[in-house]
């Protein structure tokens, strides 16, 4: 029984990670956009955004070079016996900008 729960937990965590990565790809704006627009869009989608900046120009003169997934934290709870429920508690994404 313990190995069944461990395998289920691992499978659930992997599935949640895959969903989180797909969500980042959908939440990240396509095409050129300002750093502020990108950060606001990702935060509105529920992400904690970390901006990595290269260069010394003001942020208004920077462009987004990439959006990378970060750590996703989730909890898995057992409900009524064998049923497992996974809840994502925090999602982080890194926005790389070049100035």
C-alpha atoms as a PDB file:
ATOM      1  CA  UNK A   1       0.000   0.000   0.000  1.00  0.00           C
ATOM      2  CA  UNK A   2       2.841   2.401   0.857  1.00  0.00           C
ATOM      3  CA  UNK A   3       4.530   1.863  -2.510  1.00  0.00           C
ATOM      4  CA  UNK A   4       1.209   2.508  -4.283  1.00  0.00           C
ATOM      5  CA  UNK A   5       0.861   5.844  -2.498  1.00  0.00           C
ATOM      6  CA  UNK A   6       4.490   6.766  -3.273  1.00  0.00           C
ATOM      7  CA  UNK A   7       4.058   5.958  -6.970  1.00  0.00           C
ATOM      8  CA  UNK A   8       0.780   7.877  -7.079  1.00  0.00           C
ATOM      9  CA  UNK A   9       2.386  10.847  -5.364  1.00  0.00           C
ATOM     10  CA  UNK A  10       5.301  10.872  -7.809  1.00  0.00           C
ATOM     11  CA  UNK A  11       2.993  10.590 -10.818  1.00  0.00           C
ATOM     12  CA  UNK A  12       0.766  13.369  -9.519  1.00  0.00           C
ATOM     13  CA  UNK A  13       3.746  15.662  -8.914  1.00  0.00           C
ATOM     14  CA  UNK A  14       5.095  15.039 -12.428  1.00  0.00           C
ATOM     15  CA  UNK A  15       1.691  15.706 -13.946  1.00  0.00           C
ATOM     16  CA  UNK A  16       1.333  18.952 -11.973  1.00  0.00           C
ATOM     17  CA  UNK A  17       4.779  20.069 -13.155  1.00  0.00           C
ATOM     18  CA  UNK A  18       3.878  19.367 -16.783  1.00  0.00           C
ATOM     19  CA  UNK A  19       0.668  21.359 -16.441  1.00  0.00           C
ATOM     20  CA  UNK A  20       2.573  24.244 -14.830  1.00  0.00           C
ATOM     21  CA  UNK A  21       5.126  24.332 -17.667  1.00  0.00           C
ATOM     22  CA  UNK A  22       2.391  24.342 -20.285  1.00  0.00           C
ATOM     23  CA  UNK A  23       0.634  27.151 -18.433  1.00  0.00           C
ATOM     24  CA  UNK A  24       3.797  29.269 -18.490  1.00  0.00           C
ATOM     25  CA  UNK A  25       4.035  28.891 -22.248  1.00  0.00           C
ATOM     26  CA  UNK A  26       0.416  30.033 -22.595  1.00  0.00           C
ATOM     27  CA  UNK A  27       0.734  32.883 -20.083  1.00  0.00           C
ATOM     28  CA  UNK A  28       3.906  34.357 -21.556  1.00  0.00           C
ATOM     29  CA  UNK A  29       3.063  36.999 -24.141  1.00  0.00           C
ATOM     30  CA  UNK A  30       4.147  36.235 -27.677  1.00  0.00           C
ATOM     31  CA  UNK A  31       6.021  38.791 -29.759  1.00  0.00           C
ATOM     32  CA  UNK A  32       7.800  41.897 -28.525  1.00  0.00           C
ATOM     33  CA  UNK A  33       6.348  43.510 -25.427  1.00  0.00           C
ATOM     34  CA  UNK A  34       7.512  45.732 -22.642  1.00  0.00           C
ATOM     35  CA  UNK A  35       8.911  44.249 -19.469  1.00  0.00           C
ATOM     36  CA  UNK A  36       6.064  45.799 -17.452  1.00  0.00           C
ATOM     37  CA  UNK A  37       3.407  44.203 -19.685  1.00  0.00           C
ATOM     38  CA  UNK A  38       5.055  40.800 -19.455  1.00  0.00           C
ATOM     39  CA  UNK A  39       5.413  40.960 -15.661  1.00  0.00           C
ATOM     40  CA  UNK A  40       1.806  42.148 -15.194  1.00  0.00           C
ATOM     41  CA  UNK A  41       0.458  39.396 -17.459  1.00  0.00           C
ATOM     42  CA  UNK A  42       2.373  36.670 -15.607  1.00  0.00           C
ATOM     43  CA  UNK A  43       1.421  38.027 -12.172  1.00  0.00           C
ATOM     44  CA  UNK A  44      -2.228  38.175 -13.247  1.00  0.00           C
ATOM     45  CA  UNK A  45      -1.912  34.490 -14.179  1.00  0.00           C
ATOM     46  CA  UNK A  46      -0.817  33.705 -10.610  1.00  0.00           C
ATOM     47  CA  UNK A  47       2.971  33.546 -10.976  1.00  0.00           C
ATOM     48  CA  UNK A  48       5.626  34.945  -8.645  1.00  0.00           C
ATOM     49  CA  UNK A  49       7.868  36.779 -11.118  1.00  0.00           C
ATOM     50  CA  UNK A  50      11.636  37.154 -10.746  1.00  0.00           C
ATOM     51  CA  UNK A  51      13.264  39.579 -13.207  1.00  0.00           C
ATOM     52  CA  UNK A  52      16.888  38.868 -14.229  1.00  0.00           C
ATOM     53  CA  UNK A  53      18.347  41.976 -15.845  1.00  0.00           C
ATOM     54  CA  UNK A  54      21.440  42.307 -18.040  1.00  0.00           C
ATOM     55  CA  UNK A  55      22.633  45.871 -18.605  1.00  0.00           C
ATOM     56  CA  UNK A  56      22.287  49.159 -16.792  1.00  0.00           C
ATOM     57  CA  UNK A  57      19.599  50.996 -18.769  1.00  0.00           C
ATOM     58  CA  UNK A  58      16.245  51.838 -17.182  1.00  0.00           C
ATOM     59  CA  UNK A  59      13.725  48.995 -17.235  1.00  0.00           C
ATOM     60  CA  UNK A  60      11.546  50.960 -19.675  1.00  0.00           C
ATOM     61  CA  UNK A  61      14.331  50.590 -22.278  1.00  0.00           C
ATOM     62  CA  UNK A  62      14.802  46.854 -21.755  1.00  0.00           C
ATOM     63  CA  UNK A  63      13.340  44.031 -23.816  1.00  0.00           C
ATOM     64  CA  UNK A  64      12.275  40.561 -22.701  1.00  0.00           C
ATOM     65  CA  UNK A  65      14.740  37.969 -23.975  1.00  0.00           C
ATOM     66  CA  UNK A  66      13.164  34.880 -22.382  1.00  0.00           C
ATOM     67  CA  UNK A  67      10.634  33.577 -19.892  1.00  0.00           C
ATOM     68  CA  UNK A  68      11.745  30.494 -17.977  1.00  0.00           C
ATOM     69  CA  UNK A  69       9.855  28.275 -15.536  1.00  0.00           C
ATOM     70  CA  UNK A  70      10.909  28.253 -11.916  1.00  0.00           C
ATOM     71  CA  UNK A  71       9.948  26.169  -8.923  1.00  0.00           C
ATOM     72  CA  UNK A  72       6.350  25.059  -8.518  1.00  0.00           C
ATOM     73  CA  UNK A  73       5.249  24.111  -5.037  1.00  0.00           C
ATOM     74  CA  UNK A  74       2.281  21.844  -4.509  1.00  0.00           C
ATOM     75  CA  UNK A  75       0.696  19.759  -1.810  1.00  0.00           C
ATOM     76  CA  UNK A  76      -0.857  16.352  -2.219  1.00  0.00           C
ATOM     77  CA  UNK A  77      -3.540  15.312   0.219  1.00  0.00           C
ATOM     78  CA  UNK A  78      -5.359  12.036   0.620  1.00  0.00           C
ATOM     79  CA  UNK A  79      -9.111  12.304   0.555  1.00  0.00           C
ATOM     80  CA  UNK A  80     -11.439   9.493   1.505  1.00  0.00           C
ATOM     81  CA  UNK A  81      -9.065   6.589   1.227  1.00  0.00           C
ATOM     82  CA  UNK A  82      -7.205   6.139  -2.048  1.00  0.00           C
ATOM     83  CA  UNK A  83      -8.117   9.421  -3.726  1.00  0.00           C
ATOM     84  CA  UNK A  84      -5.241  11.912  -3.935  1.00  0.00           C
ATOM     85  CA  UNK A  85      -5.744  15.617  -4.514  1.00  0.00           C
ATOM     86  CA  UNK A  86      -2.887  17.885  -5.650  1.00  0.00           C
ATOM     87  CA  UNK A  87      -3.062  21.626  -5.063  1.00  0.00           C
ATOM     88  CA  UNK A  88      -0.499  24.050  -6.524  1.00  0.00           C
ATOM     89  CA  UNK A  89       0.395  26.539  -3.788  1.00  0.00           C
ATOM     90  CA  UNK A  90       3.032  28.687  -5.519  1.00  0.00           C
ATOM     91  CA  UNK A  91       4.437  29.090  -9.029  1.00  0.00           C
ATOM     92  CA  UNK A  92       7.609  30.998  -9.916  1.00  0.00           C
ATOM     93  CA  UNK A  93       8.719  32.173 -13.342  1.00  0.00           C
ATOM     94  CA  UNK A  94      11.938  33.946 -14.370  1.00  0.00           C
ATOM     95  CA  UNK A  95      11.833  36.802 -16.881  1.00  0.00           C
ATOM     96  CA  UNK A  96      15.223  37.549 -18.471  1.00  0.00           C
ATOM     97  CA  UNK A  97      15.567  41.087 -19.820  1.00  0.00           C
ATOM     98  CA  UNK A  98      18.311  42.758 -21.845  1.00  0.00           C
ATOM     99  CA  UNK A  99      18.949  46.492 -21.587  1.00  0.00           C
END
